[in-house]
Amino acid sequence: MNGLVARYATLSGTVVLFVAVWWVIAAAVNNPRRIAGPVETWSALVHVFTDPPLTRLMVSGLEVTVTSILLGFALAAVVGVPVGVLMGRYLIVDLFFDPWVNIWYSIPAIAFVPLTMNWTGVSSTSSVVIAFLIAVFTIIINVYSGVRNISGSLVESARAYGANQAQVMTKIVLPGSLPNVMLALRLGMARAIE
């Protein structure tokens, strides 16, 4: 119980310290257009939720953003999971896609923004493409790792008992890589929200 009390006391102290430092800096700058203090920020937030036109504007903007992120993530999952499985299972697919996936994955997420806006303009389409590009390579790499880490002895045993390629894929590869697939989707969603 003491650990929990100490944790909440530390958290409360951190929040109070942050607000105090914020207030001191805002008072020192003394220009709300540069740094608004905590009181001005709180009143603006209350104003957003109490003024119906502002509330509608905020909700519509939030709706467009969340829809774009979810659509981009869904497309990334639809593309990333099969590509990761194929890369992990077949050497020729791995040799073809590996350089491309690693090159694109190494690009910082923020670099996709100007690149995508040049391609699609400033629209909700650019948000979908950005979410897709940020999430898809994370998904591919994690699914690929899961498929590659499946024990070869399981596949060889299935082959010895006469399993065909489809049976190996559905009975061994996909169930065996499912934890990594779920991890890939979780990480892909987190990256798409960035």
N, C-alpha and C. Protein backbone atom coordinates (compact mmCIF):
# COMPACT_ATOMS: atom_id res chain seq x y z
N MET A 1 0.82 -1.20 0.00
CA MET A 1 0.00 0.00 0.00
C MET A 1 0.86 1.26 0.00
N ASN A 2 1.99 1.23 0.75
CA ASN A 2 2.87 2.39 0.81
C ASN A 2 3.46 2.71 -0.55
N GLY A 3 3.77 1.65 -1.32
CA GLY A 3 4.31 1.86 -2.66
C GLY A 3 3.32 2.57 -3.56
N LEU A 4 2.04 2.22 -3.43
CA LEU A 4 1.01 2.86 -4.24
C LEU A 4 0.83 4.32 -3.86
N VAL A 5 0.85 4.61 -2.56
CA VAL A 5 0.74 5.99 -2.08
C VAL A 5 1.93 6.81 -2.56
N ALA A 6 3.12 6.22 -2.49
CA ALA A 6 4.33 6.93 -2.95
C ALA A 6 4.26 7.20 -4.44
N ARG A 7 3.73 6.25 -5.18
CA ARG A 7 3.61 6.42 -6.63
C ARG A 7 2.67 7.57 -6.97
N TYR A 8 1.50 7.61 -6.31
CA TYR A 8 0.54 8.68 -6.59
C TYR A 8 1.04 10.04 -6.08
N ALA A 9 1.76 10.03 -4.98
CA ALA A 9 2.34 11.28 -4.47
C ALA A 9 3.38 11.81 -5.44
N THR A 10 4.21 10.93 -5.96
CA THR A 10 5.22 11.34 -6.94
C THR A 10 4.57 11.84 -8.21
N LEU A 11 3.55 11.15 -8.67
CA LEU A 11 2.84 11.57 -9.88
C LEU A 11 2.19 12.94 -9.67
N SER A 12 1.54 13.14 -8.55
CA SER A 12 0.90 14.43 -8.25
C SER A 12 1.94 15.54 -8.15
N GLY A 13 3.05 15.26 -7.49
CA GLY A 13 4.11 16.25 -7.38
C GLY A 13 4.70 16.62 -8.72
N THR A 14 4.85 15.64 -9.60
CA THR A 14 5.36 15.90 -10.95
C THR A 14 4.41 16.80 -11.73
N VAL A 15 3.12 16.52 -11.65
CA VAL A 15 2.13 17.33 -12.37
C VAL A 15 2.12 18.76 -11.82
N VAL A 16 2.14 18.91 -10.50
CA VAL A 16 2.16 20.24 -9.89
C VAL A 16 3.42 21.00 -10.29
N LEU A 17 4.55 20.33 -10.27
CA LEU A 17 5.81 20.96 -10.66
C LEU A 17 5.78 21.40 -12.12
N PHE A 18 5.25 20.55 -12.99
CA PHE A 18 5.16 20.89 -14.41
C PHE A 18 4.30 22.13 -14.63
N VAL A 19 3.13 22.17 -13.98
CA VAL A 19 2.23 23.32 -14.13
C VAL A 19 2.88 24.58 -13.55
N ALA A 20 3.59 24.45 -12.45
CA ALA A 20 4.25 25.62 -11.85
C ALA A 20 5.35 26.16 -12.77
N VAL A 21 6.15 25.28 -13.33
CA VAL A 21 7.20 25.72 -14.26
C VAL A 21 6.58 26.34 -15.50
N TRP A 22 5.53 25.75 -15.99
CA TRP A 22 4.81 26.28 -17.16
C TRP A 22 4.30 27.69 -16.85
N TRP A 23 3.68 27.85 -15.69
CA TRP A 23 3.13 29.15 -15.31
C TRP A 23 4.24 30.20 -15.19
N VAL A 24 5.38 29.83 -14.59
CA VAL A 24 6.50 30.77 -14.42
C VAL A 24 7.06 31.18 -15.79
N ILE A 25 7.24 30.23 -16.68
CA ILE A 25 7.78 30.55 -18.01
C ILE A 25 6.80 31.44 -18.78
N ALA A 26 5.51 31.12 -18.72
CA ALA A 26 4.51 31.93 -19.41
C ALA A 26 4.46 33.34 -18.84
N ALA A 27 4.60 33.47 -17.53
CA ALA A 27 4.60 34.80 -16.91
C ALA A 27 5.86 35.56 -17.29
N ALA A 28 6.99 34.89 -17.40
CA ALA A 28 8.24 35.55 -17.78
C ALA A 28 8.19 36.03 -19.23
N VAL A 29 7.62 35.22 -20.11
CA VAL A 29 7.50 35.62 -21.52
C VAL A 29 6.47 36.73 -21.66
N ASN A 30 5.37 36.61 -20.91
CA ASN A 30 4.31 37.62 -20.87
C ASN A 30 3.74 37.93 -22.25
N ASN A 31 3.58 36.91 -23.06
CA ASN A 31 2.98 37.08 -24.37
C ASN A 31 2.17 35.81 -24.67
N PRO A 32 0.82 35.87 -24.52
CA PRO A 32 0.02 34.66 -24.69
C PRO A 32 0.07 34.09 -26.11
N ARG A 33 0.50 34.91 -27.09
CA ARG A 33 0.61 34.38 -28.45
C ARG A 33 1.84 33.49 -28.61
N ARG A 34 2.83 33.68 -27.76
CA ARG A 34 4.02 32.83 -27.80
C ARG A 34 3.86 31.62 -26.89
N ILE A 35 3.60 31.87 -25.62
CA ILE A 35 3.39 30.79 -24.65
C ILE A 35 2.18 31.17 -23.80
N ALA A 36 1.11 30.40 -23.98
CA ALA A 36 -0.07 30.61 -23.15
C ALA A 36 0.14 29.88 -21.83
N GLY A 37 -0.28 30.51 -20.76
CA GLY A 37 -0.16 29.89 -19.44
C GLY A 37 -1.21 28.83 -19.22
N PRO A 38 -1.13 28.14 -18.09
CA PRO A 38 -2.09 27.07 -17.81
C PRO A 38 -3.53 27.58 -17.69
N VAL A 39 -3.71 28.78 -17.13
CA VAL A 39 -5.07 29.31 -16.98
C VAL A 39 -5.68 29.63 -18.35
N GLU A 40 -4.90 30.28 -19.22
CA GLU A 40 -5.39 30.61 -20.56
C GLU A 40 -5.67 29.34 -21.36
N THR A 41 -4.79 28.36 -21.22
CA THR A 41 -4.98 27.10 -21.95
C THR A 41 -6.24 26.39 -21.47
N TRP A 42 -6.46 26.35 -20.16
CA TRP A 42 -7.65 25.69 -19.62
C TRP A 42 -8.91 26.40 -20.09
N SER A 43 -8.92 27.74 -20.07
CA SER A 43 -10.12 28.47 -20.50
C SER A 43 -10.37 28.27 -22.00
N ALA A 44 -9.31 28.18 -22.80
CA ALA A 44 -9.49 27.91 -24.23
C ALA A 44 -10.06 26.51 -24.45
N LEU A 45 -9.60 25.54 -23.67
CA LEU A 45 -10.12 24.18 -23.78
C LEU A 45 -11.59 24.13 -23.40
N VAL A 46 -11.95 24.81 -22.32
CA VAL A 46 -13.36 24.87 -21.91
C VAL A 46 -14.19 25.54 -23.01
N HIS A 47 -13.63 26.58 -23.62
CA HIS A 47 -14.34 27.30 -24.69
C HIS A 47 -14.60 26.39 -25.89
N VAL A 48 -13.64 25.54 -26.22
CA VAL A 48 -13.81 24.61 -27.34
C VAL A 48 -14.98 23.67 -27.09
N PHE A 49 -15.13 23.22 -25.84
CA PHE A 49 -16.18 22.26 -25.54
C PHE A 49 -17.53 22.91 -25.22
N THR A 50 -17.55 24.22 -25.00
CA THR A 50 -18.82 24.88 -24.69
C THR A 50 -19.37 25.68 -25.86
N ASP A 51 -18.56 25.96 -26.86
CA ASP A 51 -19.00 26.71 -28.04
C ASP A 51 -19.39 25.70 -29.12
N PRO A 52 -20.68 25.56 -29.46
CA PRO A 52 -21.12 24.52 -30.40
C PRO A 52 -20.41 24.54 -31.76
N PRO A 53 -20.19 25.70 -32.40
CA PRO A 53 -19.48 25.63 -33.69
C PRO A 53 -18.05 25.09 -33.55
N LEU A 54 -17.35 25.50 -32.49
CA LEU A 54 -16.00 24.98 -32.28
C LEU A 54 -16.02 23.50 -31.96
N THR A 55 -16.99 23.07 -31.19
CA THR A 55 -17.10 21.65 -30.85
C THR A 55 -17.35 20.82 -32.11
N ARG A 56 -18.26 21.30 -32.98
CA ARG A 56 -18.53 20.59 -34.23
C ARG A 56 -17.28 20.52 -35.11
N LEU A 57 -16.55 21.62 -35.17
CA LEU A 57 -15.33 21.66 -35.97
C LEU A 57 -14.28 20.68 -35.42
N MET A 58 -14.13 20.65 -34.10
CA MET A 58 -13.17 19.74 -33.51
C MET A 58 -13.56 18.28 -33.74
N VAL A 59 -14.85 17.98 -33.57
CA VAL A 59 -15.31 16.60 -33.75
C VAL A 59 -15.15 16.17 -35.20
N SER A 60 -15.46 17.06 -36.15
CA SER A 60 -15.31 16.68 -37.56
C SER A 60 -13.84 16.48 -37.92
N GLY A 61 -12.95 17.32 -37.40
CA GLY A 61 -11.53 17.13 -37.63
C GLY A 61 -11.01 15.84 -37.02
N LEU A 62 -11.47 15.54 -35.82
CA LEU A 62 -11.07 14.30 -35.15
C LEU A 62 -11.58 13.09 -35.92
N GLU A 63 -12.81 13.19 -36.44
CA GLU A 63 -13.38 12.09 -37.21
C GLU A 63 -12.56 11.81 -38.47
N VAL A 64 -12.16 12.86 -39.18
CA VAL A 64 -11.36 12.69 -40.40
C VAL A 64 -10.01 12.07 -40.06
N THR A 65 -9.39 12.54 -38.99
CA THR A 65 -8.07 12.03 -38.60
C THR A 65 -8.13 10.56 -38.20
N VAL A 66 -9.08 10.21 -37.34
CA VAL A 66 -9.19 8.82 -36.88
C VAL A 66 -9.54 7.89 -38.04
N THR A 67 -10.43 8.32 -38.92
CA THR A 67 -10.79 7.51 -40.08
C THR A 67 -9.58 7.29 -40.98
N SER A 68 -8.80 8.33 -41.20
CA SER A 68 -7.60 8.20 -42.05
C SER A 68 -6.60 7.23 -41.44
N ILE A 69 -6.38 7.35 -40.13
CA ILE A 69 -5.42 6.47 -39.46
C ILE A 69 -5.90 5.01 -39.52
N LEU A 70 -7.18 4.78 -39.24
CA LEU A 70 -7.69 3.41 -39.25
C LEU A 70 -7.67 2.81 -40.65
N LEU A 71 -8.00 3.61 -41.65
CA LEU A 71 -7.97 3.11 -43.03
C LEU A 71 -6.54 2.80 -43.46
N GLY A 72 -5.60 3.70 -43.14
CA GLY A 72 -4.20 3.44 -43.47
C GLY A 72 -3.67 2.20 -42.77
N PHE A 73 -4.04 2.04 -41.49
CA PHE A 73 -3.61 0.86 -40.75
C PHE A 73 -4.22 -0.41 -41.33
N ALA A 74 -5.50 -0.37 -41.68
CA ALA A 74 -6.16 -1.55 -42.25
C ALA A 74 -5.49 -1.97 -43.56
N LEU A 75 -5.17 -0.98 -44.40
CA LEU A 75 -4.47 -1.29 -45.66
C LEU A 75 -3.08 -1.86 -45.38
N ALA A 76 -2.40 -1.31 -44.37
CA ALA A 76 -1.08 -1.81 -44.01
C ALA A 76 -1.15 -3.25 -43.51
N ALA A 77 -2.19 -3.57 -42.76
CA ALA A 77 -2.35 -4.94 -42.26
C ALA A 77 -2.65 -5.90 -43.41
N VAL A 78 -3.51 -5.47 -44.33
CA VAL A 78 -3.88 -6.32 -45.47
C VAL A 78 -2.67 -6.59 -46.36
N VAL A 79 -1.79 -5.62 -46.51
CA VAL A 79 -0.59 -5.80 -47.33
C VAL A 79 0.54 -6.42 -46.52
N GLY A 80 0.75 -5.94 -45.30
CA GLY A 80 1.93 -6.32 -44.52
C GLY A 80 1.94 -7.75 -44.05
N VAL A 81 0.81 -8.28 -43.60
CA VAL A 81 0.79 -9.65 -43.08
C VAL A 81 1.11 -10.67 -44.18
N PRO A 82 0.45 -10.62 -45.34
CA PRO A 82 0.81 -11.60 -46.38
C PRO A 82 2.24 -11.45 -46.88
N VAL A 83 2.71 -10.22 -47.05
CA VAL A 83 4.08 -10.02 -47.53
C VAL A 83 5.07 -10.56 -46.50
N GLY A 84 4.83 -10.31 -45.21
CA GLY A 84 5.71 -10.84 -44.17
C GLY A 84 5.71 -12.35 -44.13
N VAL A 85 4.55 -12.96 -44.30
CA VAL A 85 4.46 -14.43 -44.31
C VAL A 85 5.22 -14.98 -45.51
N LEU A 86 4.99 -14.39 -46.69
CA LEU A 86 5.67 -14.88 -47.89
C LEU A 86 7.18 -14.68 -47.81
N MET A 87 7.61 -13.54 -47.26
CA MET A 87 9.05 -13.30 -47.11
C MET A 87 9.68 -14.30 -46.14
N GLY A 88 8.97 -14.62 -45.08
CA GLY A 88 9.50 -15.56 -44.09
C GLY A 88 9.49 -16.99 -44.58
N ARG A 89 8.60 -17.31 -45.48
CA ARG A 89 8.43 -18.70 -45.92
C ARG A 89 9.24 -19.04 -47.17
N TYR A 90 9.36 -18.09 -48.11
CA TYR A 90 9.98 -18.38 -49.39
C TYR A 90 11.21 -17.50 -49.60
N LEU A 91 12.34 -18.13 -49.86
CA LEU A 91 13.61 -17.43 -49.99
C LEU A 91 13.61 -16.44 -51.15
N ILE A 92 13.01 -16.80 -52.26
CA ILE A 92 13.01 -15.91 -53.43
C ILE A 92 12.25 -14.62 -53.15
N VAL A 93 11.14 -14.73 -52.42
CA VAL A 93 10.37 -13.54 -52.05
C VAL A 93 11.17 -12.70 -51.06
N ASP A 94 11.85 -13.37 -50.13
CA ASP A 94 12.69 -12.66 -49.16
C ASP A 94 13.81 -11.91 -49.86
N LEU A 95 14.49 -12.55 -50.78
CA LEU A 95 15.59 -11.91 -51.49
C LEU A 95 15.12 -10.71 -52.31
N PHE A 96 13.91 -10.79 -52.85
CA PHE A 96 13.40 -9.69 -53.65
C PHE A 96 12.95 -8.51 -52.79
N PHE A 97 12.19 -8.78 -51.73
CA PHE A 97 11.59 -7.70 -50.94
C PHE A 97 12.48 -7.15 -49.82
N ASP A 98 13.41 -7.97 -49.31
CA ASP A 98 14.19 -7.56 -48.14
C ASP A 98 14.90 -6.21 -48.30
N PRO A 99 15.61 -5.96 -49.40
CA PRO A 99 16.26 -4.64 -49.49
C PRO A 99 15.27 -3.48 -49.49
N TRP A 100 14.15 -3.67 -50.17
CA TRP A 100 13.15 -2.60 -50.26
C TRP A 100 12.51 -2.33 -48.91
N VAL A 101 12.16 -3.38 -48.21
CA VAL A 101 11.52 -3.22 -46.90
C VAL A 101 12.48 -2.55 -45.93
N ASN A 102 13.73 -2.98 -45.91
CA ASN A 102 14.69 -2.39 -44.98
C ASN A 102 15.03 -0.95 -45.32
N ILE A 103 15.10 -0.63 -46.59
CA ILE A 103 15.37 0.77 -46.98
C ILE A 103 14.22 1.66 -46.53
N TRP A 104 13.00 1.26 -46.83
CA TRP A 104 11.85 2.10 -46.46
C TRP A 104 11.65 2.14 -44.96
N TYR A 105 11.94 1.03 -44.27
CA TYR A 105 11.77 0.99 -42.81
C TYR A 105 12.76 1.92 -42.11
N SER A 106 13.94 2.09 -42.70
CA SER A 106 14.97 2.91 -42.07
C SER A 106 14.70 4.41 -42.20
N ILE A 107 13.75 4.78 -43.05
CA ILE A 107 13.40 6.20 -43.21
C ILE A 107 12.61 6.65 -41.99
N PRO A 108 12.97 7.78 -41.36
CA PRO A 108 12.19 8.26 -40.21
C PRO A 108 10.74 8.55 -40.61
N ALA A 109 9.84 8.30 -39.69
CA ALA A 109 8.41 8.46 -39.98
C ALA A 109 8.07 9.87 -40.44
N ILE A 110 8.72 10.88 -39.87
CA ILE A 110 8.41 12.26 -40.22
C ILE A 110 8.77 12.57 -41.67
N ALA A 111 9.70 11.81 -42.25
CA ALA A 111 10.11 12.06 -43.63
C ALA A 111 9.01 11.68 -44.62
N PHE A 112 8.08 10.83 -44.21
CA PHE A 112 6.99 10.45 -45.11
C PHE A 112 6.00 11.59 -45.35
N VAL A 113 5.95 12.54 -44.43
CA VAL A 113 4.94 13.61 -44.53
C VAL A 113 5.16 14.48 -45.76
N PRO A 114 6.33 15.13 -45.96
CA PRO A 114 6.48 15.95 -47.16
C PRO A 114 6.47 15.12 -48.44
N LEU A 115 7.03 13.92 -48.36
CA LEU A 115 7.05 13.04 -49.52
C LEU A 115 5.63 12.73 -49.98
N THR A 116 4.78 12.36 -49.05
CA THR A 116 3.40 12.01 -49.38
C THR A 116 2.60 13.22 -49.82
N MET A 117 2.84 14.36 -49.19
CA MET A 117 2.10 15.56 -49.58
C MET A 117 2.48 16.00 -50.99
N ASN A 118 3.71 15.71 -51.41
CA ASN A 118 4.08 15.98 -52.80
C ASN A 118 3.33 15.07 -53.75
N TRP A 119 3.10 13.83 -53.34
CA TRP A 119 2.41 12.87 -54.19
C TRP A 119 0.91 13.12 -54.25
N THR A 120 0.30 13.35 -53.08
CA THR A 120 -1.17 13.37 -53.01
C THR A 120 -1.77 14.73 -52.70
N GLY A 121 -0.94 15.71 -52.33
CA GLY A 121 -1.47 17.00 -51.92
C GLY A 121 -1.90 16.97 -50.46
N VAL A 122 -2.40 18.11 -50.00
CA VAL A 122 -2.85 18.20 -48.61
C VAL A 122 -4.31 17.76 -48.57
N SER A 123 -4.54 16.53 -48.19
CA SER A 123 -5.89 15.97 -48.18
C SER A 123 -5.93 14.81 -47.20
N SER A 124 -7.11 14.23 -47.06
CA SER A 124 -7.21 13.06 -46.19
C SER A 124 -6.51 11.86 -46.82
N THR A 125 -6.38 11.88 -48.15
CA THR A 125 -5.65 10.80 -48.83
C THR A 125 -4.21 10.76 -48.36
N SER A 126 -3.60 11.93 -48.19
CA SER A 126 -2.21 11.95 -47.72
C SER A 126 -2.11 11.37 -46.32
N SER A 127 -3.10 11.60 -45.46
CA SER A 127 -3.08 11.01 -44.11
C SER A 127 -3.18 9.49 -44.17
N VAL A 128 -4.00 8.98 -45.07
CA VAL A 128 -4.13 7.52 -45.23
C VAL A 128 -2.81 6.94 -45.71
N VAL A 129 -2.20 7.58 -46.70
CA VAL A 129 -0.94 7.07 -47.26
C VAL A 129 0.17 7.13 -46.21
N ILE A 130 0.23 8.21 -45.45
CA ILE A 130 1.25 8.34 -44.41
C ILE A 130 1.07 7.24 -43.36
N ALA A 131 -0.15 7.03 -42.88
CA ALA A 131 -0.41 5.98 -41.89
C ALA A 131 -0.04 4.62 -42.46
N PHE A 132 -0.35 4.39 -43.72
CA PHE A 132 -0.01 3.12 -44.38
C PHE A 132 1.49 2.92 -44.42
N LEU A 133 2.22 3.93 -44.90
CA LEU A 133 3.67 3.80 -45.06
C LEU A 133 4.38 3.64 -43.73
N ILE A 134 3.88 4.30 -42.71
CA ILE A 134 4.52 4.19 -41.40
C ILE A 134 4.28 2.81 -40.79
N ALA A 135 3.09 2.25 -41.00
CA ALA A 135 2.73 0.99 -40.35
C ALA A 135 3.15 -0.26 -41.12
N VAL A 136 3.14 -0.21 -42.43
CA VAL A 136 3.29 -1.43 -43.22
C VAL A 136 4.65 -2.10 -43.03
N PHE A 137 5.71 -1.32 -42.95
CA PHE A 137 7.03 -1.94 -42.84
C PHE A 137 7.27 -2.53 -41.46
N THR A 138 6.69 -1.92 -40.43
CA THR A 138 6.75 -2.51 -39.09
C THR A 138 6.03 -3.84 -39.08
N ILE A 139 4.88 -3.90 -39.71
CA ILE A 139 4.10 -5.14 -39.76
C ILE A 139 4.86 -6.21 -40.53
N ILE A 140 5.40 -5.85 -41.69
CA ILE A 140 6.12 -6.83 -42.51
C ILE A 140 7.29 -7.43 -41.73
N ILE A 141 8.09 -6.58 -41.10
CA ILE A 141 9.30 -7.06 -40.42
C ILE A 141 8.95 -7.96 -39.23
N ASN A 142 7.92 -7.63 -38.47
CA ASN A 142 7.57 -8.45 -37.31
C ASN A 142 6.92 -9.77 -37.72
N VAL A 143 6.09 -9.76 -38.76
CA VAL A 143 5.51 -11.02 -39.24
C VAL A 143 6.60 -11.90 -39.82
N TYR A 144 7.50 -11.29 -40.58
CA TYR A 144 8.64 -12.01 -41.15
C TYR A 144 9.44 -12.72 -40.05
N SER A 145 9.74 -12.00 -38.95
CA SER A 145 10.48 -12.61 -37.85
C SER A 145 9.72 -13.79 -37.25
N GLY A 146 8.42 -13.64 -37.10
CA GLY A 146 7.63 -14.73 -36.53
C GLY A 146 7.65 -15.98 -37.40
N VAL A 147 7.55 -15.78 -38.71
CA VAL A 147 7.56 -16.93 -39.62
C VAL A 147 8.94 -17.57 -39.65
N ARG A 148 9.98 -16.76 -39.64
CA ARG A 148 11.36 -17.29 -39.70
C ARG A 148 11.72 -18.04 -38.41
N ASN A 149 11.10 -17.70 -37.29
CA ASN A 149 11.44 -18.33 -36.02
C ASN A 149 10.69 -19.63 -35.76
N ILE A 150 9.84 -20.02 -36.69
CA ILE A 150 9.14 -21.30 -36.52
C ILE A 150 10.15 -22.44 -36.67
N SER A 151 10.07 -23.38 -35.80
CA SER A 151 11.03 -24.49 -35.79
C SER A 151 10.97 -25.28 -37.09
N GLY A 152 12.13 -25.48 -37.68
CA GLY A 152 12.21 -26.27 -38.92
C GLY A 152 11.81 -27.71 -38.70
N SER A 153 12.00 -28.21 -37.49
CA SER A 153 11.64 -29.61 -37.22
C SER A 153 10.13 -29.82 -37.30
N LEU A 154 9.35 -28.78 -36.95
CA LEU A 154 7.89 -28.90 -37.08
C LEU A 154 7.49 -29.03 -38.54
N VAL A 155 8.10 -28.22 -39.38
CA VAL A 155 7.79 -28.27 -40.81
C VAL A 155 8.24 -29.60 -41.39
N GLU A 156 9.43 -30.05 -41.03
CA GLU A 156 9.95 -31.33 -41.54
C GLU A 156 9.08 -32.50 -41.07
N SER A 157 8.61 -32.44 -39.84
CA SER A 157 7.73 -33.52 -39.34
C SER A 157 6.44 -33.56 -40.12
N ALA A 158 5.87 -32.39 -40.39
CA ALA A 158 4.63 -32.34 -41.16
C ALA A 158 4.85 -32.87 -42.56
N ARG A 159 5.99 -32.52 -43.17
CA ARG A 159 6.32 -33.03 -44.51
C ARG A 159 6.48 -34.55 -44.49
N ALA A 160 7.10 -35.07 -43.43
CA ALA A 160 7.32 -36.51 -43.32
C ALA A 160 6.00 -37.27 -43.24
N TYR A 161 4.99 -36.62 -42.65
CA TYR A 161 3.66 -37.26 -42.55
C TYR A 161 2.78 -36.94 -43.75
N GLY A 162 3.35 -36.34 -44.79
CA GLY A 162 2.63 -36.15 -46.05
C GLY A 162 1.85 -34.85 -46.17
N ALA A 163 2.16 -33.86 -45.34
CA ALA A 163 1.45 -32.57 -45.45
C ALA A 163 1.91 -31.84 -46.70
N ASN A 164 0.93 -31.27 -47.41
CA ASN A 164 1.29 -30.47 -48.58
C ASN A 164 1.59 -29.03 -48.15
N GLN A 165 1.93 -28.19 -49.13
CA GLN A 165 2.33 -26.81 -48.82
C GLN A 165 1.22 -26.04 -48.13
N ALA A 166 -0.02 -26.18 -48.58
CA ALA A 166 -1.14 -25.45 -47.98
C ALA A 166 -1.36 -25.90 -46.54
N GLN A 167 -1.24 -27.20 -46.27
CA GLN A 167 -1.41 -27.71 -44.92
C GLN A 167 -0.29 -27.23 -44.00
N VAL A 168 0.93 -27.19 -44.49
CA VAL A 168 2.05 -26.67 -43.68
C VAL A 168 1.78 -25.22 -43.32
N MET A 169 1.28 -24.47 -44.31
CA MET A 169 1.03 -23.04 -44.08
C MET A 169 -0.10 -22.85 -43.07
N THR A 170 -1.20 -23.57 -43.23
CA THR A 170 -2.37 -23.34 -42.37
C THR A 170 -2.28 -24.03 -41.01
N LYS A 171 -1.56 -25.14 -40.92
CA LYS A 171 -1.51 -25.91 -39.66
C LYS A 171 -0.28 -25.60 -38.82
N ILE A 172 0.80 -25.09 -39.44
CA ILE A 172 2.03 -24.88 -38.69
C ILE A 172 2.49 -23.42 -38.75
N VAL A 173 2.65 -22.90 -39.96
CA VAL A 173 3.25 -21.57 -40.11
C VAL A 173 2.36 -20.48 -39.53
N LEU A 174 1.11 -20.43 -39.95
CA LEU A 174 0.22 -19.35 -39.47
C LEU A 174 -0.06 -19.44 -37.97
N PRO A 175 -0.43 -20.61 -37.43
CA PRO A 175 -0.61 -20.66 -35.97
C PRO A 175 0.67 -20.38 -35.19
N GLY A 176 1.81 -20.85 -35.70
CA GLY A 176 3.07 -20.65 -35.00
C GLY A 176 3.53 -19.20 -35.00
N SER A 177 3.15 -18.47 -36.04
CA SER A 177 3.58 -17.07 -36.13
C SER A 177 2.53 -16.10 -35.61
N LEU A 178 1.41 -16.60 -35.14
CA LEU A 178 0.32 -15.73 -34.67
C LEU A 178 0.73 -14.76 -33.57
N PRO A 179 1.54 -15.14 -32.58
CA PRO A 179 1.95 -14.14 -31.58
C PRO A 179 2.70 -12.97 -32.21
N ASN A 180 3.57 -13.26 -33.19
CA ASN A 180 4.28 -12.18 -33.86
C ASN A 180 3.37 -11.36 -34.76
N VAL A 181 2.36 -11.98 -35.33
CA VAL A 181 1.40 -11.24 -36.15
C VAL A 181 0.64 -10.25 -35.27
N MET A 182 0.21 -10.70 -34.10
CA MET A 182 -0.51 -9.80 -33.19
C MET A 182 0.40 -8.67 -32.71
N LEU A 183 1.66 -9.01 -32.41
CA LEU A 183 2.63 -7.98 -32.03
C LEU A 183 2.83 -6.99 -33.17
N ALA A 184 2.93 -7.50 -34.38
CA ALA A 184 3.11 -6.63 -35.55
C ALA A 184 1.94 -5.68 -35.71
N LEU A 185 0.73 -6.18 -35.53
CA LEU A 185 -0.45 -5.32 -35.67
C LEU A 185 -0.49 -4.26 -34.56
N ARG A 186 -0.12 -4.65 -33.35
CA ARG A 186 -0.10 -3.69 -32.25
C ARG A 186 0.94 -2.60 -32.49
N LEU A 187 2.14 -2.99 -32.90
CA LEU A 187 3.18 -2.01 -33.18
C LEU A 187 2.83 -1.16 -34.40
N GLY A 188 2.22 -1.79 -35.40
CA GLY A 188 1.82 -1.04 -36.59
C GLY A 188 0.77 0.02 -36.27
N MET A 189 -0.17 -0.33 -35.40
CA MET A 189 -1.19 0.65 -34.99
C MET A 189 -0.54 1.80 -34.21
N ALA A 190 0.37 1.46 -33.32
CA ALA A 190 1.05 2.52 -32.55
C ALA A 190 1.84 3.43 -33.47
N ARG A 191 2.51 2.87 -34.47
CA ARG A 191 3.27 3.70 -35.40
C ARG A 191 2.36 4.51 -36.30
N ALA A 192 1.21 3.97 -36.69
CA ALA A 192 0.28 4.71 -37.55
C ALA A 192 -0.29 5.92 -36.82
N ILE A 193 -0.46 5.83 -35.51
CA ILE A 193 -1.00 6.94 -34.74
C ILE A 193 0.03 8.05 -34.60
N GLU A 194 1.32 7.73 -34.68
CA GLU A 194 2.37 8.75 -34.54
C GLU A 194 2.08 9.91 -35.37
